[in-house]
Amino acid sequence: MIDWLSAPSAFPPPARALDDPNGLLCAGGDLTPDSIVKAYAGGIFPWYSEGQPILWWSPDPRMVLYPAEFKLSRSLAKTLRAGRFEVRFDTAFADVIRACAEPRREDGGTWIVPAMQEAYIALHRAGIAHCAEAWRDGRLVGGLYGVALGRVFFGESMFARETDASKVAFASLMEKIKREGFELVDCQQETAHLARFGARPIPRAAFLRHLAQLINSPVKPGQDSSRWNSKA
């Protein structure tokens, strides 16, 4: 059994999360900016489908990417040098999250339900959620979004309408957050795609220790929204 939140953002300790399904911690609560920020700060994130209550997760192990370990393939480096895409940050956040919410298959659904979209757009307006965008010929063709707290970037989702568009946006984001002092990217779930960039799973306990060291860093580059609204 999992806890039902008796009060907004009253999250139980991540160690109480289920093993099956991996990381399911609790249900209920709300998606206010305060609740989502408190969740991320404690190693927890929301993830649910239409018709379900809000579900909160903290899987073990946790997929992370340390910026110093980021791997750029030769083919992607060549694409970046070619300048086929123009990369921008935080100029079309709502468009990026809505594109990420589009089903990947004809019969597929999405976990980025309207309530989630509205919640992260509110976080963006507060200067907490950010996006990287790939543009070509004036069209948004790829991108990703996530949350920046302290020296941690919490990646959420990405999309591509052209080959390599999301990869270019991701590589540009990694270059940016390296410059600004981020030390950890939370990738949440283990995937082969992220592993190719250097992401790797670590025990949840180790993730939580690193998170506690970085989340309240006195240098909070992700909180200055003026640094994000720009071109690469």
C-alpha atoms as a PDB file:
ATOM      1  CA  MET A   1       0.000   0.000   0.000  1.00  0.00           C
ATOM      2  CA  ILE A   2       1.034   3.598  -0.585  1.00  0.00           C
ATOM      3  CA  ASP A   3       0.199   6.726   1.350  1.00  0.00           C
ATOM      4  CA  TRP A   4      -2.558   9.077   0.283  1.00  0.00           C
ATOM      5  CA  LEU A   5      -1.331  12.617   0.919  1.00  0.00           C
ATOM      6  CA  SER A   6      -3.328  14.042   3.806  1.00  0.00           C
ATOM      7  CA  ALA A   7      -2.043  17.540   3.107  1.00  0.00           C
ATOM      8  CA  PRO A   8      -0.521  19.123  -0.002  1.00  0.00           C
ATOM      9  CA  SER A   9       3.213  18.436  -0.297  1.00  0.00           C
ATOM     10  CA  ALA A  10       3.289  16.268   2.878  1.00  0.00           C
ATOM     11  CA  PHE A  11       5.485  13.651   1.208  1.00  0.00           C
ATOM     12  CA  PRO A  12       6.628  10.477   2.982  1.00  0.00           C
ATOM     13  CA  PRO A  13      10.334   9.549   2.905  1.00  0.00           C
ATOM     14  CA  PRO A  14      11.462   8.130  -0.484  1.00  0.00           C
ATOM     15  CA  ALA A  15      12.678   4.952   1.263  1.00  0.00           C
ATOM     16  CA  ARG A  16       9.012   3.979   1.675  1.00  0.00           C
ATOM     17  CA  ALA A  17       8.501   3.755  -2.091  1.00  0.00           C
ATOM     18  CA  LEU A  18       7.380   0.420  -3.527  1.00  0.00           C
ATOM     19  CA  ASP A  19       9.702  -1.989  -5.279  1.00  0.00           C
ATOM     20  CA  ASP A  20       6.907  -2.929  -7.699  1.00  0.00           C
ATOM     21  CA  PRO A  21       6.100  -0.723  -9.446  1.00  0.00           C
ATOM     22  CA  ASN A  22       9.557   0.629  -8.834  1.00  0.00           C
ATOM     23  CA  GLY A  23       9.480   3.914  -6.985  1.00  0.00           C
ATOM     24  CA  LEU A  24       5.757   4.504  -6.502  1.00  0.00           C
ATOM     25  CA  LEU A  25       5.653   6.475  -3.260  1.00  0.00           C
ATOM     26  CA  CYS A  26       2.270   8.103  -2.718  1.00  0.00           C
ATOM     27  CA  ALA A  27      -0.830   9.537  -4.394  1.00  0.00           C
ATOM     28  CA  GLY A  28      -2.977  12.634  -4.188  1.00  0.00           C
ATOM     29  CA  GLY A  29      -1.945  16.136  -3.240  1.00  0.00           C
ATOM     30  CA  ASP A  30      -1.774  18.877  -5.816  1.00  0.00           C
ATOM     31  CA  LEU A  31       0.426  20.285  -8.573  1.00  0.00           C
ATOM     32  CA  THR A  32       1.017  23.755  -7.189  1.00  0.00           C
ATOM     33  CA  PRO A  33       4.521  25.165  -7.704  1.00  0.00           C
ATOM     34  CA  ASP A  34       5.234  24.791  -3.970  1.00  0.00           C
ATOM     35  CA  SER A  35       4.288  21.096  -4.007  1.00  0.00           C
ATOM     36  CA  ILE A  36       6.313  20.297  -7.109  1.00  0.00           C
ATOM     37  CA  VAL A  37       9.393  22.150  -5.861  1.00  0.00           C
ATOM     38  CA  LYS A  38       9.183  20.398  -2.479  1.00  0.00           C
ATOM     39  CA  ALA A  39       8.867  17.054  -4.273  1.00  0.00           C
ATOM     40  CA  TYR A  40      11.918  17.611  -6.470  1.00  0.00           C
ATOM     41  CA  ALA A  41      13.946  18.838  -3.517  1.00  0.00           C
ATOM     42  CA  GLY A  42      13.189  15.523  -1.812  1.00  0.00           C
ATOM     43  CA  GLY A  43      13.977  13.325  -4.818  1.00  0.00           C
ATOM     44  CA  ILE A  44      10.312  12.830  -5.815  1.00  0.00           C
ATOM     45  CA  PHE A  45       8.488  13.632  -9.059  1.00  0.00           C
ATOM     46  CA  PRO A  46       4.890  13.394 -10.365  1.00  0.00           C
ATOM     47  CA  TRP A  47       3.996  10.958 -13.138  1.00  0.00           C
ATOM     48  CA  TYR A  48       0.510   9.715 -13.940  1.00  0.00           C
ATOM     49  CA  SER A  49      -1.985   9.225 -16.759  1.00  0.00           C
ATOM     50  CA  GLU A  50      -5.373  10.750 -17.529  1.00  0.00           C
ATOM     51  CA  GLY A  51      -8.021   9.367 -15.189  1.00  0.00           C
ATOM     52  CA  GLN A  52      -5.545   8.488 -12.439  1.00  0.00           C
ATOM     53  CA  PRO A  53      -4.919  10.421  -9.224  1.00  0.00           C
ATOM     54  CA  ILE A  54      -1.633  12.321  -9.054  1.00  0.00           C
ATOM     55  CA  LEU A  55       1.063   9.697  -8.467  1.00  0.00           C
ATOM     56  CA  TRP A  56       4.459  10.555  -6.964  1.00  0.00           C
ATOM     57  CA  TRP A  57       7.616   8.516  -7.603  1.00  0.00           C
ATOM     58  CA  SER A  58      11.172   8.033  -6.357  1.00  0.00           C
ATOM     59  CA  PRO A  59      12.684   5.015  -8.174  1.00  0.00           C
ATOM     60  CA  ASP A  60      15.693   3.000  -7.094  1.00  0.00           C
ATOM     61  CA  PRO A  61      18.117   3.064  -8.828  1.00  0.00           C
ATOM     62  CA  ARG A  62      17.938   6.600 -10.234  1.00  0.00           C
ATOM     63  CA  MET A  63      19.208   7.497 -13.702  1.00  0.00           C
ATOM     64  CA  VAL A  64      21.513  10.529 -13.542  1.00  0.00           C
ATOM     65  CA  LEU A  65      23.943  12.343 -15.785  1.00  0.00           C
ATOM     66  CA  TYR A  66      26.901  14.197 -14.347  1.00  0.00           C
ATOM     67  CA  PRO A  67      27.729  17.052 -16.755  1.00  0.00           C
ATOM     68  CA  ALA A  68      31.431  16.179 -16.629  1.00  0.00           C
ATOM     69  CA  GLU A  69      30.552  12.699 -17.945  1.00  0.00           C
ATOM     70  CA  PHE A  70      28.432  13.883 -20.880  1.00  0.00           C
ATOM     71  CA  LYS A  71      29.320  12.033 -24.095  1.00  0.00           C
ATOM     72  CA  LEU A  72      29.016  13.791 -27.442  1.00  0.00           C
ATOM     73  CA  SER A  73      29.148  11.395 -30.393  1.00  0.00           C
ATOM     74  CA  ARG A  74      31.146  12.285 -33.478  1.00  0.00           C
ATOM     75  CA  SER A  75      28.027  12.355 -35.630  1.00  0.00           C
ATOM     76  CA  LEU A  76      26.208  14.716 -33.252  1.00  0.00           C
ATOM     77  CA  ALA A  77      29.285  16.932 -32.966  1.00  0.00           C
ATOM     78  CA  LYS A  78      29.305  17.149 -36.761  1.00  0.00           C
ATOM     79  CA  THR A  79      25.621  18.111 -36.780  1.00  0.00           C
ATOM     80  CA  LEU A  80      26.274  20.833 -34.205  1.00  0.00           C
ATOM     81  CA  ARG A  81      29.157  22.244 -36.248  1.00  0.00           C
ATOM     82  CA  ALA A  82      27.001  22.268 -39.381  1.00  0.00           C
ATOM     83  CA  GLY A  83      24.601  24.689 -37.696  1.00  0.00           C
ATOM     84  CA  ARG A  84      21.536  23.097 -39.227  1.00  0.00           C
ATOM     85  CA  PHE A  85      19.450  24.059 -36.198  1.00  0.00           C
ATOM     86  CA  GLU A  86      19.182  27.306 -34.278  1.00  0.00           C
ATOM     87  CA  VAL A  87      19.043  26.632 -30.527  1.00  0.00           C
ATOM     88  CA  ARG A  88      17.138  28.925 -28.200  1.00  0.00           C
ATOM     89  CA  PHE A  89      16.308  28.761 -24.502  1.00  0.00           C
ATOM     90  CA  ASP A  90      12.986  29.658 -22.882  1.00  0.00           C
ATOM     91  CA  THR A  91      11.415  31.413 -25.863  1.00  0.00           C
ATOM     92  CA  ALA A  92       8.562  28.910 -26.459  1.00  0.00           C
ATOM     93  CA  PHE A  93       8.098  26.902 -23.263  1.00  0.00           C
ATOM     94  CA  ALA A  94       4.370  26.224 -23.700  1.00  0.00           C
ATOM     95  CA  ASP A  95       4.932  25.038 -27.273  1.00  0.00           C
ATOM     96  CA  VAL A  96       7.714  22.698 -26.138  1.00  0.00           C
ATOM     97  CA  ILE A  97       5.709  21.050 -23.369  1.00  0.00           C
ATOM     98  CA  ARG A  98       2.681  20.621 -25.619  1.00  0.00           C
ATOM     99  CA  ALA A  99       4.848  19.031 -28.286  1.00  0.00           C
ATOM    100  CA  CYS A 100       6.323  16.688 -25.661  1.00  0.00           C
ATOM    101  CA  ALA A 101       2.762  15.748 -24.669  1.00  0.00           C
ATOM    102  CA  GLU A 102       1.820  14.580 -28.163  1.00  0.00           C
ATOM    103  CA  PRO A 103       1.385  10.759 -28.284  1.00  0.00           C
ATOM    104  CA  ARG A 104       4.398   9.012 -29.802  1.00  0.00           C
ATOM    105  CA  ARG A 105       2.191   6.329 -31.397  1.00  0.00           C
ATOM    106  CA  GLU A 106      -1.269   6.461 -32.929  1.00  0.00           C
ATOM    107  CA  ASP A 107      -2.679   4.324 -30.092  1.00  0.00           C
ATOM    108  CA  GLY A 108      -0.559   5.917 -27.400  1.00  0.00           C
ATOM    109  CA  GLY A 109      -1.488   8.231 -24.584  1.00  0.00           C
ATOM    110  CA  THR A 110       0.594  10.704 -22.620  1.00  0.00           C
ATOM    111  CA  TRP A 111       1.546  11.254 -19.012  1.00  0.00           C
ATOM    112  CA  ILE A 112       1.910  14.994 -19.689  1.00  0.00           C
ATOM    113  CA  VAL A 113      -1.802  15.528 -19.135  1.00  0.00           C
ATOM    114  CA  PRO A 114      -3.317  19.047 -19.322  1.00  0.00           C
ATOM    115  CA  ALA A 115      -2.996  19.542 -15.557  1.00  0.00           C
ATOM    116  CA  MET A 116       0.722  18.711 -15.764  1.00  0.00           C
ATOM    117  CA  GLN A 117       1.182  21.113 -18.658  1.00  0.00           C
ATOM    118  CA  GLU A 118      -0.485  23.917 -16.716  1.00  0.00           C
ATOM    119  CA  ALA A 119       1.608  23.141 -13.626  1.00  0.00           C
ATOM    120  CA  TYR A 120       4.936  23.318 -15.448  1.00  0.00           C
ATOM    121  CA  ILE A 121       3.937  26.412 -17.379  1.00  0.00           C
ATOM    122  CA  ALA A 122       3.293  28.021 -13.969  1.00  0.00           C
ATOM    123  CA  LEU A 123       6.751  26.866 -12.859  1.00  0.00           C
ATOM    124  CA  HIS A 124       8.213  28.397 -15.995  1.00  0.00           C
ATOM    125  CA  ARG A 125       6.534  31.709 -15.259  1.00  0.00           C
ATOM    126  CA  ALA A 126       8.096  31.527 -11.792  1.00  0.00           C
ATOM    127  CA  GLY A 127      11.562  31.111 -13.355  1.00  0.00           C
ATOM    128  CA  ILE A 128      11.948  27.500 -12.204  1.00  0.00           C
ATOM    129  CA  ALA A 129      11.080  25.387 -15.272  1.00  0.00           C
ATOM    130  CA  HIS A 130      13.085  25.893 -18.458  1.00  0.00           C
ATOM    131  CA  CYS A 131      13.376  24.565 -21.988  1.00  0.00           C
ATOM    132  CA  ALA A 132      15.884  24.191 -24.792  1.00  0.00           C
ATOM    133  CA  GLU A 133      14.524  24.536 -28.322  1.00  0.00           C
ATOM    134  CA  ALA A 134      15.784  23.530 -31.769  1.00  0.00           C
ATOM    135  CA  TRP A 135      14.496  25.701 -34.615  1.00  0.00           C
ATOM    136  CA  ARG A 136      14.865  25.340 -38.360  1.00  0.00           C
ATOM    137  CA  ASP A 137      13.599  27.833 -40.932  1.00  0.00           C
ATOM    138  CA  GLY A 138      11.469  29.523 -38.273  1.00  0.00           C
ATOM    139  CA  ARG A 139       9.837  26.266 -37.137  1.00  0.00           C
ATOM    140  CA  LEU A 140      10.170  24.621 -33.741  1.00  0.00           C
ATOM    141  CA  VAL A 141      11.391  21.123 -34.635  1.00  0.00           C
ATOM    142  CA  GLY A 142      12.698  19.743 -31.358  1.00  0.00           C
ATOM    143  CA  GLY A 143      13.344  20.465 -27.724  1.00  0.00           C
ATOM    144  CA  LEU A 144      13.113  19.453 -24.094  1.00  0.00           C
ATOM    145  CA  TYR A 145      12.061  20.895 -20.753  1.00  0.00           C
ATOM    146  CA  GLY A 146      12.832  20.428 -17.093  1.00  0.00           C
ATOM    147  CA  VAL A 147      13.222  22.080 -13.715  1.00  0.00           C
ATOM    148  CA  ALA A 148      16.301  23.854 -12.345  1.00  0.00           C
ATOM    149  CA  LEU A 149      16.851  24.028  -8.590  1.00  0.00           C
ATOM    150  CA  GLY A 150      20.164  24.809  -6.984  1.00  0.00           C
ATOM    151  CA  ARG A 151      22.834  23.099  -9.068  1.00  0.00           C
ATOM    152  CA  VAL A 152      20.517  20.336 -10.253  1.00  0.00           C
ATOM    153  CA  PHE A 153      18.593  20.140 -13.517  1.00  0.00           C
ATOM    154  CA  PHE A 154      15.653  17.722 -13.475  1.00  0.00           C
ATOM    155  CA  GLY A 155      14.953  16.600 -17.026  1.00  0.00           C
ATOM    156  CA  GLU A 156      11.341  15.832 -17.875  1.00  0.00           C
ATOM    157  CA  SER A 157      10.701  15.105 -21.558  1.00  0.00           C
ATOM    158  CA  MET A 158      11.887  15.824 -25.086  1.00  0.00           C
ATOM    159  CA  PHE A 159      10.494  15.704 -28.612  1.00  0.00           C
ATOM    160  CA  ALA A 160      11.790  15.790 -32.176  1.00  0.00           C
ATOM    161  CA  ARG A 161      10.071  16.547 -35.460  1.00  0.00           C
ATOM    162  CA  GLU A 162      13.309  16.258 -37.417  1.00  0.00           C
ATOM    163  CA  THR A 163      16.234  13.876 -37.056  1.00  0.00           C
ATOM    164  CA  ASP A 164      18.718  14.975 -34.356  1.00  0.00           C
ATOM    165  CA  ALA A 165      16.669  18.040 -33.365  1.00  0.00           C
ATOM    166  CA  SER A 166      16.131  16.972 -29.753  1.00  0.00           C
ATOM    167  CA  LYS A 167      19.719  15.720 -29.494  1.00  0.00           C
ATOM    168  CA  VAL A 168      21.038  19.108 -30.585  1.00  0.00           C
ATOM    169  CA  ALA A 169      18.821  20.832 -28.017  1.00  0.00           C
ATOM    170  CA  PHE A 170      20.031  18.440 -25.315  1.00  0.00           C
ATOM    171  CA  ALA A 171      23.714  18.841 -26.174  1.00  0.00           C
ATOM    172  CA  SER A 172      23.300  22.629 -26.163  1.00  0.00           C
ATOM    173  CA  LEU A 173      21.572  22.473 -22.798  1.00  0.00           C
ATOM    174  CA  MET A 174      24.433  20.401 -21.382  1.00  0.00           C
ATOM    175  CA  GLU A 175      26.964  22.974 -22.580  1.00  0.00           C
ATOM    176  CA  LYS A 176      24.927  25.750 -20.997  1.00  0.00           C
ATOM    177  CA  ILE A 177      24.470  24.114 -17.612  1.00  0.00           C
ATOM    178  CA  LYS A 178      28.147  23.181 -17.444  1.00  0.00           C
ATOM    179  CA  ARG A 179      29.034  26.860 -17.876  1.00  0.00           C
ATOM    180  CA  GLU A 180      26.585  27.884 -15.175  1.00  0.00           C
ATOM    181  CA  GLY A 181      27.786  25.457 -12.532  1.00  0.00           C
ATOM    182  CA  PHE A 182      25.222  22.670 -12.523  1.00  0.00           C
ATOM    183  CA  GLU A 183      26.646  19.414 -11.197  1.00  0.00           C
ATOM    184  CA  LEU A 184      23.812  16.921 -11.618  1.00  0.00           C
ATOM    185  CA  VAL A 185      21.106  16.123 -14.170  1.00  0.00           C
ATOM    186  CA  ASP A 186      18.270  13.923 -12.933  1.00  0.00           C
ATOM    187  CA  CYS A 187      17.075  11.686 -15.785  1.00  0.00           C
ATOM    188  CA  GLN A 188      14.614   9.807 -13.534  1.00  0.00           C
ATOM    189  CA  GLN A 189      14.140   6.574 -15.530  1.00  0.00           C
ATOM    190  CA  GLU A 190      16.805   4.354 -17.068  1.00  0.00           C
ATOM    191  CA  THR A 191      16.826   4.357 -20.880  1.00  0.00           C
ATOM    192  CA  ALA A 192      19.344   3.242 -23.494  1.00  0.00           C
ATOM    193  CA  HIS A 193      18.935   6.596 -25.245  1.00  0.00           C
ATOM    194  CA  LEU A 194      20.157   8.548 -22.210  1.00  0.00           C
ATOM    195  CA  ALA A 195      22.892   6.012 -21.508  1.00  0.00           C
ATOM    196  CA  ARG A 196      24.435   6.873 -24.884  1.00  0.00           C
ATOM    197  CA  PHE A 197      24.960  10.413 -23.573  1.00  0.00           C
ATOM    198  CA  GLY A 198      26.735   9.143 -20.456  1.00  0.00           C
ATOM    199  CA  ALA A 199      23.812   8.829 -18.059  1.00  0.00           C
ATOM    200  CA  ARG A 200      23.964   5.950 -15.592  1.00  0.00           C
ATOM    201  CA  PRO A 201      21.885   4.501 -12.774  1.00  0.00           C
ATOM    202  CA  ILE A 202      22.975   5.065  -9.191  1.00  0.00           C
ATOM    203  CA  PRO A 203      21.368   3.884  -5.930  1.00  0.00           C
ATOM    204  CA  ARG A 204      18.562   6.111  -4.727  1.00  0.00           C
ATOM    205  CA  ALA A 205      20.396   6.699  -1.446  1.00  0.00           C
ATOM    206  CA  ALA A 206      23.415   8.061  -3.342  1.00  0.00           C
ATOM    207  CA  PHE A 207      21.176  10.245  -5.483  1.00  0.00           C
ATOM    208  CA  LEU A 208      19.500  11.691  -2.405  1.00  0.00           C
ATOM    209  CA  ARG A 209      22.877  12.459  -0.818  1.00  0.00           C
ATOM    210  CA  HIS A 210      24.075  14.283  -3.931  1.00  0.00           C
ATOM    211  CA  LEU A 211      20.750  16.084  -4.202  1.00  0.00           C
ATOM    212  CA  ALA A 212      20.939  17.293  -0.590  1.00  0.00           C
ATOM    213  CA  GLN A 213      24.401  18.722  -1.236  1.00  0.00           C
ATOM    214  CA  LEU A 214      23.390  20.586  -4.392  1.00  0.00           C
ATOM    215  CA  ILE A 215      19.740  21.583  -4.078  1.00  0.00           C
ATOM    216  CA  ASN A 216      20.374  24.419  -1.619  1.00  0.00           C
ATOM    217  CA  SER A 217      23.626  25.604  -3.147  1.00  0.00           C
ATOM    218  CA  PRO A 218      24.264  29.296  -2.482  1.00  0.00           C
ATOM    219  CA  VAL A 219      24.848  29.648  -6.218  1.00  0.00           C
ATOM    220  CA  LYS A 220      21.528  29.035  -7.952  1.00  0.00           C
ATOM    221  CA  PRO A 221      22.085  29.661 -11.666  1.00  0.00           C
ATOM    222  CA  GLY A 222      18.768  28.083 -12.632  1.00  0.00           C
ATOM    223  CA  GLN A 223      16.810  30.624 -10.608  1.00  0.00           C
ATOM    224  CA  ASP A 224      17.895  33.592 -12.734  1.00  0.00           C
ATOM    225  CA  SER A 225      15.442  33.382 -15.611  1.00  0.00           C
ATOM    226  CA  SER A 226      17.234  36.165 -17.485  1.00  0.00           C
ATOM    227  CA  ARG A 227      20.122  33.762 -18.083  1.00  0.00           C
ATOM    228  CA  TRP A 228      17.850  31.321 -19.881  1.00  0.00           C
ATOM    229  CA  ASN A 229      15.909  33.539 -22.272  1.00  0.00           C
ATOM    230  CA  SER A 230      18.486  33.585 -25.020  1.00  0.00           C
ATOM    231  CA  LYS A 231      19.985  31.879 -28.035  1.00  0.00           C
ATOM    232  CA  ALA A 232      22.777  29.328 -27.752  1.00  0.00           C
END
